[in-house]
C-alpha atoms as a PDB file:
ATOM      1  CA  MET A   1     -15.194  25.941 -27.890  1.00  0.00           C
ATOM      2  CA  LYS A   2     -15.684  22.385 -28.775  1.00  0.00           C
ATOM      3  CA  LYS A   3     -17.946  20.273 -26.472  1.00  0.00           C
ATOM      4  CA  GLN A   4     -16.210  17.199 -25.058  1.00  0.00           C
ATOM      5  CA  ARG A   5     -18.161  13.948 -25.278  1.00  0.00           C
ATOM      6  CA  ALA A   6     -19.042  12.199 -22.028  1.00  0.00           C
ATOM      7  CA  SER A   7     -17.342   9.006 -23.225  1.00  0.00           C
ATOM      8  CA  ASP A   8     -14.074  10.956 -23.598  1.00  0.00           C
ATOM      9  CA  GLU A   9     -14.287  12.093 -19.936  1.00  0.00           C
ATOM     10  CA  ILE A  10     -14.683   8.567 -18.595  1.00  0.00           C
ATOM     11  CA  SER A  11     -11.636   6.228 -18.808  1.00  0.00           C
ATOM     12  CA  ARG A  12     -12.289   3.198 -20.900  1.00  0.00           C
ATOM     13  CA  MET A  13     -13.030  -0.039 -19.089  1.00  0.00           C
ATOM     14  CA  ILE A  14     -12.021  -3.668 -19.772  1.00  0.00           C
ATOM     15  CA  ARG A  15     -13.815  -6.795 -18.564  1.00  0.00           C
ATOM     16  CA  VAL A  16     -11.648  -9.642 -17.125  1.00  0.00           C
ATOM     17  CA  LYS A  17     -12.206 -12.679 -14.930  1.00  0.00           C
ATOM     18  CA  VAL A  18     -10.474 -12.747 -11.531  1.00  0.00           C
ATOM     19  CA  ASN A  19     -10.556 -16.120  -9.826  1.00  0.00           C
ATOM     20  CA  GLY A  20     -13.589 -17.020 -11.978  1.00  0.00           C
ATOM     21  CA  GLY A  21     -15.598 -13.857 -11.239  1.00  0.00           C
ATOM     22  CA  GLU A  22     -16.141 -11.119 -13.830  1.00  0.00           C
ATOM     23  CA  ARG A  23     -14.750  -7.722 -13.014  1.00  0.00           C
ATOM     24  CA  ASN A  24     -14.588  -4.338 -14.809  1.00  0.00           C
ATOM     25  CA  LEU A  25     -11.221  -2.653 -14.662  1.00  0.00           C
ATOM     26  CA  ARG A  26      -9.775   0.541 -16.043  1.00  0.00           C
ATOM     27  CA  GLU A  27      -7.956   0.207 -19.359  1.00  0.00           C
ATOM     28  CA  GLY A  28      -4.154   0.108 -18.955  1.00  0.00           C
ATOM     29  CA  ILE A  29      -4.246  -1.481 -15.493  1.00  0.00           C
ATOM     30  CA  ARG A  30      -1.258  -3.618 -14.500  1.00  0.00           C
ATOM     31  CA  LEU A  31      -1.302  -6.813 -12.451  1.00  0.00           C
ATOM     32  CA  SER A  32       0.408  -4.938  -9.589  1.00  0.00           C
ATOM     33  CA  ASP A  33      -2.307  -2.344  -9.638  1.00  0.00           C
ATOM     34  CA  LEU A  34      -5.073  -5.040  -9.535  1.00  0.00           C
ATOM     35  CA  LEU A  35      -3.477  -6.614  -6.502  1.00  0.00           C
ATOM     36  CA  ALA A  36      -3.209  -3.322  -4.707  1.00  0.00           C
ATOM     37  CA  ASP A  37      -6.821  -2.426  -5.592  1.00  0.00           C
ATOM     38  CA  ILE A  38      -8.180  -5.604  -4.052  1.00  0.00           C
ATOM     39  CA  GLY A  39      -5.872  -5.424  -1.051  1.00  0.00           C
ATOM     40  CA  ILE A  40      -3.628  -8.381  -1.762  1.00  0.00           C
ATOM     41  CA  PRO A  41       0.111  -7.860  -1.129  1.00  0.00           C
ATOM     42  CA  ALA A  42       2.528  -9.174  -3.720  1.00  0.00           C
ATOM     43  CA  GLU A  43       4.449 -10.928  -1.024  1.00  0.00           C
ATOM     44  CA  GLY A  44       3.173 -14.497  -0.592  1.00  0.00           C
ATOM     45  CA  THR A  45       1.085 -14.274  -3.772  1.00  0.00           C
ATOM     46  CA  ALA A  46       1.194 -16.284  -6.959  1.00  0.00           C
ATOM     47  CA  ALA A  47      -0.677 -15.038 -10.045  1.00  0.00           C
ATOM     48  CA  ALA A  48      -1.369 -16.352 -13.509  1.00  0.00           C
ATOM     49  CA  VAL A  49      -2.801 -14.531 -16.538  1.00  0.00           C
ATOM     50  CA  ASN A  50      -4.417 -16.656 -19.172  1.00  0.00           C
ATOM     51  CA  HIS A  51      -2.884 -19.821 -17.584  1.00  0.00           C
ATOM     52  CA  ALA A  52       0.608 -18.444 -17.643  1.00  0.00           C
ATOM     53  CA  VAL A  53       2.275 -17.943 -14.216  1.00  0.00           C
ATOM     54  CA  ILE A  54       3.692 -14.431 -13.985  1.00  0.00           C
ATOM     55  CA  PRO A  55       6.976 -13.947 -12.069  1.00  0.00           C
ATOM     56  CA  LYS A  56       6.572 -11.548  -9.160  1.00  0.00           C
ATOM     57  CA  GLN A  57       9.150  -9.180 -10.672  1.00  0.00           C
ATOM     58  CA  GLU A  58       6.876  -8.879 -13.783  1.00  0.00           C
ATOM     59  CA  TYR A  59       3.725  -7.851 -11.875  1.00  0.00           C
ATOM     60  CA  ASP A  60       4.473  -4.175 -12.415  1.00  0.00           C
ATOM     61  CA  ARG A  61       5.127  -4.727 -16.150  1.00  0.00           C
ATOM     62  CA  THR A  62       2.122  -6.982 -16.874  1.00  0.00           C
ATOM     63  CA  ASN A  63      -0.681  -5.007 -18.488  1.00  0.00           C
ATOM     64  CA  LEU A  64      -4.077  -6.612 -18.321  1.00  0.00           C
ATOM     65  CA  ALA A  65      -6.366  -6.628 -21.407  1.00  0.00           C
ATOM     66  CA  GLU A  66      -9.959  -7.260 -22.346  1.00  0.00           C
ATOM     67  CA  GLY A  67     -10.934 -10.921 -21.732  1.00  0.00           C
ATOM     68  CA  ASP A  68      -7.938 -11.886 -19.632  1.00  0.00           C
ATOM     69  CA  GLU A  69      -8.378 -14.611 -17.028  1.00  0.00           C
ATOM     70  CA  ILE A  70      -6.420 -13.925 -13.904  1.00  0.00           C
ATOM     71  CA  GLU A  71      -5.908 -16.390 -11.061  1.00  0.00           C
ATOM     72  CA  ILE A  72      -4.599 -15.186  -7.756  1.00  0.00           C
ATOM     73  CA  ILE A  73      -3.478 -17.383  -4.912  1.00  0.00           C
ATOM     74  CA  HIS A  74      -2.268 -15.899  -1.599  1.00  0.00           C
ATOM     75  CA  ALA A  75      -0.529 -17.860   1.127  1.00  0.00           C
ATOM     76  CA  VAL A  76      -1.465 -16.941   4.683  1.00  0.00           C
ATOM     77  CA  GLY A  77       0.846 -18.153   7.419  1.00  0.00           C
ATOM     78  CA  GLY A  78       0.337 -18.624  11.132  1.00  0.00           C
ATOM     79  CA  GLY A  79      -2.214 -20.391  13.344  1.00  0.00           C
ATOM     80  CA  ALA A  80      -2.273 -23.985  14.578  1.00  0.00           C
ATOM     81  CA  ASP A  81      -2.352 -25.462  11.035  1.00  0.00           C
ATOM     82  CA  GLY A  82       0.894 -23.681  10.081  1.00  0.00           C
ATOM     83  CA  GLY A  83      -0.677 -21.705   7.231  1.00  0.00           C
ATOM     84  CA  ARG A  84      -3.211 -21.994   4.506  1.00  0.00           C
ATOM     85  CA  ILE A  85      -3.654 -21.070   0.880  1.00  0.00           C
ATOM     86  CA  THR A  86      -6.484 -18.799  -0.181  1.00  0.00           C
ATOM     87  CA  GLY A  87      -7.641 -18.353  -3.713  1.00  0.00           C
ATOM     88  CA  GLY A  88     -11.404 -17.727  -3.529  1.00  0.00           C
ATOM     89  CA  ARG A  89     -13.375 -15.105  -5.441  1.00  0.00           C
ATOM     90  CA  ARG A  90     -13.091 -11.524  -4.427  1.00  0.00           C
END
């Protein structure tokens, strides 16, 4: 029986920037997966990959790749000020 290499057992990782901070993600991850992983709902969210705004209906079809720069902005409504925009590092 052939021995499997440890590197074959671990899914490959890519390095991207999310709101300016570096992050390691699994290879083949989609924008929708990233949002779910960090707990940001697609509703009320705008996202850009490499300075190109991605339409919400494309989040599930947008694969992320090594070196991508992702910016995520999420609108939060309510409160006395009528809502605010968040886009800080996560």
